[in-house]
């Protein structure tokens, strides 16, 4: 699947759905590639700046990879604003708030 995604991105570099799909694949299936997932998610957030799921995934990757609470919070805020009724976005944000609060303790 990794090769397939990379080939599709090379073939259709302007296709906005491919970047977030690949980033999600890297994060959820290939969990060992979180830095690479972050890179593709950053690109996806640039291409799809109002996609709540992309923004929340990027916020989560920023939090996991760097522990940057302020930057992660920015992306989660944008995600919730873009998709206030999306259960995946809200669950991701709740998980972030839970872990960020535990880390503050």
PDB file of N, CA and C in Angstrom:
ATOM      1  N   UNK A   1       0.823  -1.196   0.000  1.00  0.00           N
ATOM      2  CA  UNK A   1       0.000   0.000   0.000  1.00  0.00           C
ATOM      3  C   UNK A   1       0.865   1.257   0.000  1.00  0.00           C
ATOM      4  N   UNK A   2       2.000   1.177   0.673  1.00  0.00           N
ATOM      5  CA  UNK A   2       2.888   2.339   0.742  1.00  0.00           C
ATOM      6  C   UNK A   2       3.329   2.746  -0.666  1.00  0.00           C
ATOM      7  N   UNK A   3       3.781   1.777  -1.426  1.00  0.00           N
ATOM      8  CA  UNK A   3       4.220   2.050  -2.799  1.00  0.00           C
ATOM      9  C   UNK A   3       3.076   2.589  -3.643  1.00  0.00           C
ATOM     10  N   UNK A   4       1.902   2.009  -3.474  1.00  0.00           N
ATOM     11  CA  UNK A   4       0.726   2.450  -4.228  1.00  0.00           C
ATOM     12  C   UNK A   4       0.450   3.929  -3.964  1.00  0.00           C
ATOM     13  N   UNK A   5       0.419   4.327  -2.687  1.00  0.00           N
ATOM     14  CA  UNK A   5       0.161   5.725  -2.351  1.00  0.00           C
ATOM     15  C   UNK A   5       1.226   6.648  -2.950  1.00  0.00           C
ATOM     16  N   UNK A   6       2.472   6.272  -2.804  1.00  0.00           N
ATOM     17  CA  UNK A   6       3.548   7.109  -3.338  1.00  0.00           C
ATOM     18  C   UNK A   6       3.443   7.251  -4.856  1.00  0.00           C
ATOM     19  N   UNK A   7       3.134   6.157  -5.528  1.00  0.00           N
ATOM     20  CA  UNK A   7       2.978   6.191  -6.978  1.00  0.00           C
ATOM     21  C   UNK A   7       1.813   7.093  -7.379  1.00  0.00           C
ATOM     22  N   UNK A   8       0.702   7.004  -6.676  1.00  0.00           N
ATOM     23  CA  UNK A   8      -0.467   7.835  -6.985  1.00  0.00           C
ATOM     24  C   UNK A   8      -0.155   9.318  -6.761  1.00  0.00           C
ATOM     25  N   UNK A   9       0.584   9.639  -5.721  1.00  0.00           N
ATOM     26  CA  UNK A   9       0.953  11.036  -5.444  1.00  0.00           C
ATOM     27  C   UNK A   9       1.882  11.565  -6.528  1.00  0.00           C
ATOM     28  N   UNK A  10       2.813  10.732  -6.984  1.00  0.00           N
ATOM     29  CA  UNK A  10       3.697  11.144  -8.082  1.00  0.00           C
ATOM     30  C   UNK A  10       2.901  11.347  -9.382  1.00  0.00           C
ATOM     31  N   UNK A  11       1.955  10.455  -9.631  1.00  0.00           N
ATOM     32  CA  UNK A  11       1.168  10.511 -10.862  1.00  0.00           C
ATOM     33  C   UNK A  11       0.174  11.671 -10.851  1.00  0.00           C
ATOM     34  N   UNK A  12      -0.441  11.921  -9.700  1.00  0.00           N
ATOM     35  CA  UNK A  12      -1.463  12.971  -9.573  1.00  0.00           C
ATOM     36  C   UNK A  12      -1.097  13.915  -8.433  1.00  0.00           C
ATOM     37  N   UNK A  13      -0.045  14.703  -8.599  1.00  0.00           N
ATOM     38  CA  UNK A  13       0.434  15.544  -7.489  1.00  0.00           C
ATOM     39  C   UNK A  13      -0.565  16.606  -7.033  1.00  0.00           C
ATOM     40  N   UNK A  14      -1.505  16.982  -7.870  1.00  0.00           N
ATOM     41  CA  UNK A  14      -2.467  18.009  -7.493  1.00  0.00           C
ATOM     42  C   UNK A  14      -3.748  17.462  -6.882  1.00  0.00           C
ATOM     43  N   UNK A  15      -3.868  16.152  -6.777  1.00  0.00           N
ATOM     44  CA  UNK A  15      -5.085  15.545  -6.245  1.00  0.00           C
ATOM     45  C   UNK A  15      -5.126  15.692  -4.722  1.00  0.00           C
ATOM     46  N   UNK A  16      -6.051  16.480  -4.242  1.00  0.00           N
ATOM     47  CA  UNK A  16      -6.103  16.861  -2.827  1.00  0.00           C
ATOM     48  C   UNK A  16      -6.456  15.702  -1.892  1.00  0.00           C
ATOM     49  N   UNK A  17      -7.100  14.673  -2.361  1.00  0.00           N
ATOM     50  CA  UNK A  17      -7.468  13.553  -1.488  1.00  0.00           C
ATOM     51  C   UNK A  17      -6.317  12.600  -1.205  1.00  0.00           C
ATOM     52  N   UNK A  18      -5.340  12.557  -2.082  1.00  0.00           N
ATOM     53  CA  UNK A  18      -4.258  11.584  -1.927  1.00  0.00           C
ATOM     54  C   UNK A  18      -3.364  11.888  -0.726  1.00  0.00           C
ATOM     55  N   UNK A  19      -3.021  13.154  -0.505  1.00  0.00           N
ATOM     56  CA  UNK A  19      -2.117  13.505   0.595  1.00  0.00           C
ATOM     57  C   UNK A  19      -2.692  13.133   1.958  1.00  0.00           C
ATOM     58  N   UNK A  20      -3.930  13.536   2.278  1.00  0.00           N
ATOM     59  CA  UNK A  20      -4.443  13.152   3.597  1.00  0.00           C
ATOM     60  C   UNK A  20      -4.662  11.649   3.740  1.00  0.00           C
ATOM     61  N   UNK A  21      -5.037  10.989   2.645  1.00  0.00           N
ATOM     62  CA  UNK A  21      -5.212   9.535   2.724  1.00  0.00           C
ATOM     63  C   UNK A  21      -3.890   8.836   3.023  1.00  0.00           C
ATOM     64  N   UNK A  22      -2.829   9.293   2.380  1.00  0.00           N
ATOM     65  CA  UNK A  22      -1.515   8.698   2.622  1.00  0.00           C
ATOM     66  C   UNK A  22      -1.034   9.016   4.035  1.00  0.00           C
ATOM     67  N   UNK A  23      -1.237  10.238   4.478  1.00  0.00           N
ATOM     68  CA  UNK A  23      -0.840  10.607   5.838  1.00  0.00           C
ATOM     69  C   UNK A  23      -1.584   9.749   6.865  1.00  0.00           C
ATOM     70  N   UNK A  24      -2.864   9.546   6.638  1.00  0.00           N
ATOM     71  CA  UNK A  24      -3.661   8.718   7.561  1.00  0.00           C
ATOM     72  C   UNK A  24      -3.173   7.271   7.534  1.00  0.00           C
ATOM     73  N   UNK A  25      -2.859   6.763   6.347  1.00  0.00           N
ATOM     74  CA  UNK A  25      -2.317   5.417   6.216  1.00  0.00           C
ATOM     75  C   UNK A  25      -1.016   5.287   7.009  1.00  0.00           C
ATOM     76  N   UNK A  26      -0.121   6.255   6.850  1.00  0.00           N
ATOM     77  CA  UNK A  26       1.159   6.211   7.558  1.00  0.00           C
ATOM     78  C   UNK A  26       0.962   6.256   9.069  1.00  0.00           C
ATOM     79  N   UNK A  27       0.023   7.076   9.519  1.00  0.00           N
ATOM     80  CA  UNK A  27      -0.212   7.232  10.957  1.00  0.00           C
ATOM     81  C   UNK A  27      -0.885   5.993  11.556  1.00  0.00           C
ATOM     82  N   UNK A  28      -1.939   5.529  10.901  1.00  0.00           N
ATOM     83  CA  UNK A  28      -2.761   4.474  11.500  1.00  0.00           C
ATOM     84  C   UNK A  28      -2.303   3.061  11.166  1.00  0.00           C
ATOM     85  N   UNK A  29      -1.736   2.865   9.993  1.00  0.00           N
ATOM     86  CA  UNK A  29      -1.316   1.520   9.593  1.00  0.00           C
ATOM     87  C   UNK A  29       0.173   1.321   9.818  1.00  0.00           C
ATOM     88  N   UNK A  30       0.950   2.298   9.407  1.00  0.00           N
ATOM     89  CA  UNK A  30       2.400   2.226   9.550  1.00  0.00           C
ATOM     90  C   UNK A  30       2.836   3.162  10.669  1.00  0.00           C
ATOM     91  N   UNK A  31       2.433   2.903  11.870  1.00  0.00           N
ATOM     92  CA  UNK A  31       2.693   3.779  13.005  1.00  0.00           C
ATOM     93  C   UNK A  31       4.154   4.093  13.253  1.00  0.00           C
ATOM     94  N   UNK A  32       5.050   3.352  12.611  1.00  0.00           N
ATOM     95  CA  UNK A  32       6.476   3.604  12.778  1.00  0.00           C
ATOM     96  C   UNK A  32       6.950   4.781  11.919  1.00  0.00           C
ATOM     97  N   UNK A  33       6.071   5.345  11.123  1.00  0.00           N
ATOM     98  CA  UNK A  33       6.455   6.421  10.214  1.00  0.00           C
ATOM     99  C   UNK A  33       5.737   7.724  10.566  1.00  0.00           C
ATOM    100  N   UNK A  34       5.696   8.076  11.834  1.00  0.00           N
ATOM    101  CA  UNK A  34       4.943   9.248  12.262  1.00  0.00           C
ATOM    102  C   UNK A  34       5.536  10.549  11.734  1.00  0.00           C
ATOM    103  N   UNK A  35       6.842  10.631  11.613  1.00  0.00           N
ATOM    104  CA  UNK A  35       7.458  11.845  11.056  1.00  0.00           C
ATOM    105  C   UNK A  35       7.077  12.012   9.587  1.00  0.00           C
ATOM    106  N   UNK A  36       7.080  10.916   8.856  1.00  0.00           N
ATOM    107  CA  UNK A  36       6.688  10.955   7.452  1.00  0.00           C
ATOM    108  C   UNK A  36       5.200  11.290   7.329  1.00  0.00           C
ATOM    109  N   UNK A  37       4.386  10.734   8.214  1.00  0.00           N
ATOM    110  CA  UNK A  37       2.959  11.048   8.228  1.00  0.00           C
ATOM    111  C   UNK A  37       2.752  12.539   8.475  1.00  0.00           C
ATOM    112  N   UNK A  38       3.536  13.095   9.392  1.00  0.00           N
ATOM    113  CA  UNK A  38       3.436  14.524   9.678  1.00  0.00           C
ATOM    114  C   UNK A  38       3.765  15.352   8.436  1.00  0.00           C
ATOM    115  N   UNK A  39       4.782  14.965   7.711  1.00  0.00           N
ATOM    116  CA  UNK A  39       5.179  15.698   6.498  1.00  0.00           C
ATOM    117  C   UNK A  39       4.039  15.719   5.479  1.00  0.00           C
ATOM    118  N   UNK A  40       3.433  14.570   5.231  1.00  0.00           N
ATOM    119  CA  UNK A  40       2.344  14.511   4.261  1.00  0.00           C
ATOM    120  C   UNK A  40       1.088  15.198   4.787  1.00  0.00           C
ATOM    121  N   UNK A  41       0.877  15.135   6.069  1.00  0.00           N
ATOM    122  CA  UNK A  41      -0.278  15.805   6.653  1.00  0.00           C
ATOM    123  C   UNK A  41      -0.108  17.322   6.575  1.00  0.00           C
ATOM    124  N   UNK A  42       1.103  17.806   6.765  1.00  0.00           N
ATOM    125  CA  UNK A  42       1.381  19.243   6.624  1.00  0.00           C
ATOM    126  C   UNK A  42       1.050  19.684   5.206  1.00  0.00           C
ATOM    127  N   UNK A  43       1.462  18.905   4.228  1.00  0.00           N
ATOM    128  CA  UNK A  43       1.152  19.217   2.835  1.00  0.00           C
ATOM    129  C   UNK A  43      -0.360  19.187   2.597  1.00  0.00           C
ATOM    130  N   UNK A  44      -1.018  18.203   3.176  1.00  0.00           N
ATOM    131  CA  UNK A  44      -2.474  18.083   3.022  1.00  0.00           C
ATOM    132  C   UNK A  44      -3.192  19.268   3.659  1.00  0.00           C
ATOM    133  N   UNK A  45      -2.713  19.729   4.817  1.00  0.00           N
ATOM    134  CA  UNK A  45      -3.329  20.883   5.481  1.00  0.00           C
ATOM    135  C   UNK A  45      -3.153  22.143   4.649  1.00  0.00           C
ATOM    136  N   UNK A  46      -2.074  22.226   3.911  1.00  0.00           N
ATOM    137  CA  UNK A  46      -1.862  23.368   3.020  1.00  0.00           C
ATOM    138  C   UNK A  46      -2.833  23.320   1.839  1.00  0.00           C
ATOM    139  N   UNK A  47      -3.007  22.122   1.276  1.00  0.00           N
ATOM    140  CA  UNK A  47      -3.885  21.941   0.116  1.00  0.00           C
ATOM    141  C   UNK A  47      -5.360  22.005   0.522  1.00  0.00           C
ATOM    142  N   UNK A  48      -5.678  21.505   1.719  1.00  0.00           N
ATOM    143  CA  UNK A  48      -7.072  21.457   2.194  1.00  0.00           C
ATOM    144  C   UNK A  48      -7.168  22.145   3.560  1.00  0.00           C
ATOM    145  N   UNK A  49      -7.026  23.474   3.588  1.00  0.00           N
ATOM    146  CA  UNK A  49      -6.955  24.198   4.864  1.00  0.00           C
ATOM    147  C   UNK A  49      -8.246  24.226   5.671  1.00  0.00           C
ATOM    148  N   UNK A  50      -9.363  23.802   5.081  1.00  0.00           N
ATOM    149  CA  UNK A  50     -10.630  23.787   5.801  1.00  0.00           C
ATOM    150  C   UNK A  50     -11.152  22.369   6.035  1.00  0.00           C
ATOM    151  N   UNK A  51     -10.285  21.392   5.957  1.00  0.00           N
ATOM    152  CA  UNK A  51     -10.667  19.993   6.181  1.00  0.00           C
ATOM    153  C   UNK A  51     -10.388  19.642   7.640  1.00  0.00           C
ATOM    154  N   UNK A  52     -11.430  19.527   8.421  1.00  0.00           N
ATOM    155  CA  UNK A  52     -11.289  19.269   9.853  1.00  0.00           C
ATOM    156  C   UNK A  52     -10.525  18.002  10.183  1.00  0.00           C
ATOM    157  N   UNK A  53     -10.752  16.952   9.417  1.00  0.00           N
ATOM    158  CA  UNK A  53     -10.061  15.700   9.705  1.00  0.00           C
ATOM    159  C   UNK A  53      -8.557  15.822   9.437  1.00  0.00           C
ATOM    160  N   UNK A  54      -8.203  16.483   8.364  1.00  0.00           N
ATOM    161  CA  UNK A  54      -6.783  16.700   8.060  1.00  0.00           C
ATOM    162  C   UNK A  54      -6.144  17.540   9.164  1.00  0.00           C
ATOM    163  N   UNK A  55      -6.816  18.614   9.541  1.00  0.00           N
ATOM    164  CA  UNK A  55      -6.268  19.510  10.574  1.00  0.00           C
ATOM    165  C   UNK A  55      -6.132  18.806  11.915  1.00  0.00           C
ATOM    166  N   UNK A  56      -7.118  17.986  12.285  1.00  0.00           N
ATOM    167  CA  UNK A  56      -7.015  17.294  13.576  1.00  0.00           C
ATOM    168  C   UNK A  56      -5.932  16.221  13.545  1.00  0.00           C
ATOM    169  N   UNK A  57      -5.775  15.549  12.410  1.00  0.00           N
ATOM    170  CA  UNK A  57      -4.704  14.559  12.287  1.00  0.00           C
ATOM    171  C   UNK A  57      -3.350  15.241  12.385  1.00  0.00           C
ATOM    172  N   UNK A  58      -3.224  16.396  11.741  1.00  0.00           N
ATOM    173  CA  UNK A  58      -1.965  17.134  11.810  1.00  0.00           C
ATOM    174  C   UNK A  58      -1.698  17.616  13.235  1.00  0.00           C
ATOM    175  N   UNK A  59      -2.714  18.127  13.897  1.00  0.00           N
ATOM    176  CA  UNK A  59      -2.550  18.542  15.294  1.00  0.00           C
ATOM    177  C   UNK A  59      -2.092  17.386  16.166  1.00  0.00           C
ATOM    178  N   UNK A  60      -2.683  16.222  15.951  1.00  0.00           N
ATOM    179  CA  UNK A  60      -2.299  15.042  16.725  1.00  0.00           C
ATOM    180  C   UNK A  60      -0.853  14.655  16.455  1.00  0.00           C
ATOM    181  N   UNK A  61      -0.441  14.705  15.202  1.00  0.00           N
ATOM    182  CA  UNK A  61       0.938  14.353  14.871  1.00  0.00           C
ATOM    183  C   UNK A  61       1.933  15.361  15.442  1.00  0.00           C
ATOM    184  N   UNK A  62       1.576  16.624  15.444  1.00  0.00           N
ATOM    185  CA  UNK A  62       2.439  17.642  16.064  1.00  0.00           C
ATOM    186  C   UNK A  62       2.588  17.349  17.552  1.00  0.00           C
ATOM    187  N   UNK A  63       1.488  17.008  18.187  1.00  0.00           N
ATOM    188  CA  UNK A  63       1.514  16.713  19.624  1.00  0.00           C
ATOM    189  C   UNK A  63       2.355  15.469  19.903  1.00  0.00           C
ATOM    190  N   UNK A  64       2.120  14.399  19.152  1.00  0.00           N
ATOM    191  CA  UNK A  64       2.829  13.128  19.368  1.00  0.00           C
ATOM    192  C   UNK A  64       4.311  13.258  19.037  1.00  0.00           C
ATOM    193  N   UNK A  65       4.625  13.892  17.910  1.00  0.00           N
ATOM    194  CA  UNK A  65       6.012  13.957  17.457  1.00  0.00           C
ATOM    195  C   UNK A  65       6.851  14.992  18.193  1.00  0.00           C
ATOM    196  N   UNK A  66       6.226  16.097  18.626  1.00  0.00           N
ATOM    197  CA  UNK A  66       7.012  17.203  19.174  1.00  0.00           C
ATOM    198  C   UNK A  66       6.573  17.654  20.570  1.00  0.00           C
ATOM    199  N   UNK A  67       5.381  17.258  20.988  1.00  0.00           N
ATOM    200  CA  UNK A  67       4.863  17.719  22.273  1.00  0.00           C
ATOM    201  C   UNK A  67       4.610  19.219  22.291  1.00  0.00           C
ATOM    202  N   UNK A  68       4.426  19.815  21.122  1.00  0.00           N
ATOM    203  CA  UNK A  68       4.205  21.254  21.006  1.00  0.00           C
ATOM    204  C   UNK A  68       2.723  21.549  21.242  1.00  0.00           C
ATOM    205  N   UNK A  69       2.396  21.813  22.497  1.00  0.00           N
ATOM    206  CA  UNK A  69       1.001  21.991  22.887  1.00  0.00           C
ATOM    207  C   UNK A  69       0.357  23.190  22.191  1.00  0.00           C
ATOM    208  N   UNK A  70       1.072  24.306  22.097  1.00  0.00           N
ATOM    209  CA  UNK A  70       0.496  25.516  21.500  1.00  0.00           C
ATOM    210  C   UNK A  70       0.185  25.312  20.017  1.00  0.00           C
ATOM    211  N   UNK A  71       1.106  24.720  19.275  1.00  0.00           N
ATOM    212  CA  UNK A  71       0.878  24.513  17.846  1.00  0.00           C
ATOM    213  C   UNK A  71      -0.207  23.460  17.614  1.00  0.00           C
ATOM    214  N   UNK A  72      -0.173  22.387  18.384  1.00  0.00           N
ATOM    215  CA  UNK A  72      -1.213  21.359  18.260  1.00  0.00           C
ATOM    216  C   UNK A  72      -2.585  21.966  18.551  1.00  0.00           C
ATOM    217  N   UNK A  73      -2.674  22.770  19.596  1.00  0.00           N
ATOM    218  CA  UNK A  73      -3.935  23.408  19.962  1.00  0.00           C
ATOM    219  C   UNK A  73      -4.465  24.265  18.824  1.00  0.00           C
ATOM    220  N   UNK A  74      -3.582  24.969  18.141  1.00  0.00           N
ATOM    221  CA  UNK A  74      -3.972  25.804  17.008  1.00  0.00           C
ATOM    222  C   UNK A  74      -4.658  24.970  15.931  1.00  0.00           C
ATOM    223  N   UNK A  75      -4.070  23.828  15.607  1.00  0.00           N
ATOM    224  CA  UNK A  75      -4.657  22.977  14.564  1.00  0.00           C
ATOM    225  C   UNK A  75      -5.943  22.319  15.033  1.00  0.00           C
ATOM    226  N   UNK A  76      -6.012  21.930  16.289  1.00  0.00           N
ATOM    227  CA  UNK A  76      -7.264  21.361  16.792  1.00  0.00           C
ATOM    228  C   UNK A  76      -8.372  22.414  16.800  1.00  0.00           C
ATOM    229  N   UNK A  77      -8.053  23.643  17.171  1.00  0.00           N
ATOM    230  CA  UNK A  77      -9.053  24.718  17.138  1.00  0.00           C
ATOM    231  C   UNK A  77      -9.579  24.926  15.722  1.00  0.00           C
ATOM    232  N   UNK A  78      -8.675  24.947  14.763  1.00  0.00           N
ATOM    233  CA  UNK A  78      -9.084  25.095  13.360  1.00  0.00           C
ATOM    234  C   UNK A  78      -9.929  23.908  12.898  1.00  0.00           C
ATOM    235  N   UNK A  79      -9.557  22.716  13.342  1.00  0.00           N
ATOM    236  CA  UNK A  79     -10.291  21.509  12.960  1.00  0.00           C
ATOM    237  C   UNK A  79     -11.722  21.541  13.485  1.00  0.00           C
ATOM    238  N   UNK A  80     -11.872  21.906  14.742  1.00  0.00           N
ATOM    239  CA  UNK A  80     -13.211  21.949  15.343  1.00  0.00           C
ATOM    240  C   UNK A  80     -14.052  23.048  14.695  1.00  0.00           C
ATOM    241  N   UNK A  81     -13.429  24.160  14.371  1.00  0.00           N
ATOM    242  CA  UNK A  81     -14.141  25.240  13.695  1.00  0.00           C
ATOM    243  C   UNK A  81     -14.596  24.791  12.301  1.00  0.00           C
ATOM    244  N   UNK A  82     -13.738  24.071  11.594  1.00  0.00           N
ATOM    245  CA  UNK A  82     -14.054  23.613  10.238  1.00  0.00           C
ATOM    246  C   UNK A  82     -15.092  22.490  10.231  1.00  0.00           C
ATOM    247  N   UNK A  83     -15.054  21.631  11.248  1.00  0.00           N
ATOM    248  CA  UNK A  83     -15.943  20.450  11.284  1.00  0.00           C
ATOM    249  C   UNK A  83     -16.522  20.258  12.685  1.00  0.00           C
ATOM    250  N   UNK A  84     -17.387  21.166  13.132  1.00  0.00           N
ATOM    251  CA  UNK A  84     -17.873  21.113  14.509  1.00  0.00           C
ATOM    252  C   UNK A  84     -18.756  19.909  14.833  1.00  0.00           C
ATOM    253  N   UNK A  85     -19.274  19.232  13.827  1.00  0.00           N
ATOM    254  CA  UNK A  85     -20.152  18.083  14.062  1.00  0.00           C
ATOM    255  C   UNK A  85     -19.519  16.753  13.677  1.00  0.00           C
ATOM    256  N   UNK A  86     -18.243  16.766  13.352  1.00  0.00           N
ATOM    257  CA  UNK A  86     -17.556  15.549  12.933  1.00  0.00           C
ATOM    258  C   UNK A  86     -17.070  14.803  14.177  1.00  0.00           C
ATOM    259  N   UNK A  87     -17.602  13.621  14.392  1.00  0.00           N
ATOM    260  CA  UNK A  87     -17.278  12.868  15.607  1.00  0.00           C
ATOM    261  C   UNK A  87     -15.801  12.470  15.660  1.00  0.00           C
ATOM    262  N   UNK A  88     -15.168  12.248  14.519  1.00  0.00           N
ATOM    263  CA  UNK A  88     -13.747  11.891  14.503  1.00  0.00           C
ATOM    264  C   UNK A  88     -12.881  13.066  14.940  1.00  0.00           C
ATOM    265  N   UNK A  89     -13.231  14.246  14.460  1.00  0.00           N
ATOM    266  CA  UNK A  89     -12.499  15.452  14.837  1.00  0.00           C
ATOM    267  C   UNK A  89     -12.672  15.721  16.329  1.00  0.00           C
ATOM    268  N   UNK A  90     -13.907  15.621  16.811  1.00  0.00           N
ATOM    269  CA  UNK A  90     -14.175  15.888  18.225  1.00  0.00           C
ATOM    270  C   UNK A  90     -13.504  14.850  19.126  1.00  0.00           C
ATOM    271  N   UNK A  91     -13.504  13.600  18.714  1.00  0.00           N
ATOM    272  CA  UNK A  91     -12.854  12.558  19.511  1.00  0.00           C
ATOM    273  C   UNK A  91     -11.344  12.763  19.548  1.00  0.00           C
ATOM    274  N   UNK A  92     -10.765  13.143  18.422  1.00  0.00           N
ATOM    275  CA  UNK A  92      -9.327  13.405  18.366  1.00  0.00           C
ATOM    276  C   UNK A  92      -8.965  14.571  19.279  1.00  0.00           C
ATOM    277  N   UNK A  93      -9.789  15.605  19.249  1.00  0.00           N
ATOM    278  CA  UNK A  93      -9.548  16.771  20.098  1.00  0.00           C
ATOM    279  C   UNK A  93      -9.679  16.400  21.580  1.00  0.00           C
ATOM    280  N   UNK A  94     -10.686  15.615  21.909  1.00  0.00           N
ATOM    281  CA  UNK A  94     -10.876  15.185  23.303  1.00  0.00           C
ATOM    282  C   UNK A  94      -9.688  14.351  23.778  1.00  0.00           C
ATOM    283  N   UNK A  95      -9.203  13.457  22.918  1.00  0.00           N
ATOM    284  CA  UNK A  95      -8.037  12.632  23.274  1.00  0.00           C
ATOM    285  C   UNK A  95      -6.814  13.518  23.511  1.00  0.00           C
ATOM    286  N   UNK A  96      -6.635  14.517  22.650  1.00  0.00           N
ATOM    287  CA  UNK A  96      -5.527  15.462  22.820  1.00  0.00           C
ATOM    288  C   UNK A  96      -5.656  16.195  24.160  1.00  0.00           C
ATOM    289  N   UNK A  97      -6.836  16.726  24.443  1.00  0.00           N
ATOM    290  CA  UNK A  97      -7.030  17.464  25.695  1.00  0.00           C
ATOM    291  C   UNK A  97      -6.739  16.573  26.903  1.00  0.00           C
ATOM    292  N   UNK A  98      -7.162  15.324  26.823  1.00  0.00           N
ATOM    293  CA  UNK A  98      -6.937  14.376  27.915  1.00  0.00           C
ATOM    294  C   UNK A  98      -5.437  14.143  28.128  1.00  0.00           C
ATOM    295  N   UNK A  99      -4.712  13.895  27.043  1.00  0.00           N
ATOM    296  CA  UNK A  99      -3.285  13.598  27.184  1.00  0.00           C
ATOM    297  C   UNK A  99      -2.494  14.859  27.548  1.00  0.00           C
ATOM    298  N   UNK A 100      -2.879  15.994  26.998  1.00  0.00           N
ATOM    299  CA  UNK A 100      -2.177  17.246  27.329  1.00  0.00           C
ATOM    300  C   UNK A 100      -2.368  17.585  28.806  1.00  0.00           C
ATOM    301  N   UNK A 101      -3.566  17.344  29.315  1.00  0.00           N
ATOM    302  CA  UNK A 101      -3.837  17.619  30.740  1.00  0.00           C
ATOM    303  C   UNK A 101      -3.039  16.667  31.630  1.00  0.00           C
ATOM    304  N   UNK A 102      -2.957  15.388  31.237  1.00  0.00           N
ATOM    305  CA  UNK A 102      -2.192  14.422  32.023  1.00  0.00           C
ATOM    306  C   UNK A 102      -0.705  14.776  32.037  1.00  0.00           C
ATOM    307  N   UNK A 103      -0.200  15.291  30.899  1.00  0.00           N
ATOM    308  CA  UNK A 103       1.204  15.674  30.828  1.00  0.00           C
ATOM    309  C   UNK A 103       1.511  16.898  31.676  1.00  0.00           C
ATOM    310  N   UNK A 104       0.509  17.753  31.870  1.00  0.00           N
ATOM    311  CA  UNK A 104       0.696  18.952  32.694  1.00  0.00           C
ATOM    312  C   UNK A 104       0.780  18.605  34.181  1.00  0.00           C
ATOM    313  N   UNK A 105       0.252  17.446  34.567  1.00  0.00           N
ATOM    314  CA  UNK A 105       0.234  17.053  35.984  1.00  0.00           C
ATOM    315  C   UNK A 105       1.600  16.719  36.515  1.00  0.00           C
TER     316      UNK A 105
END
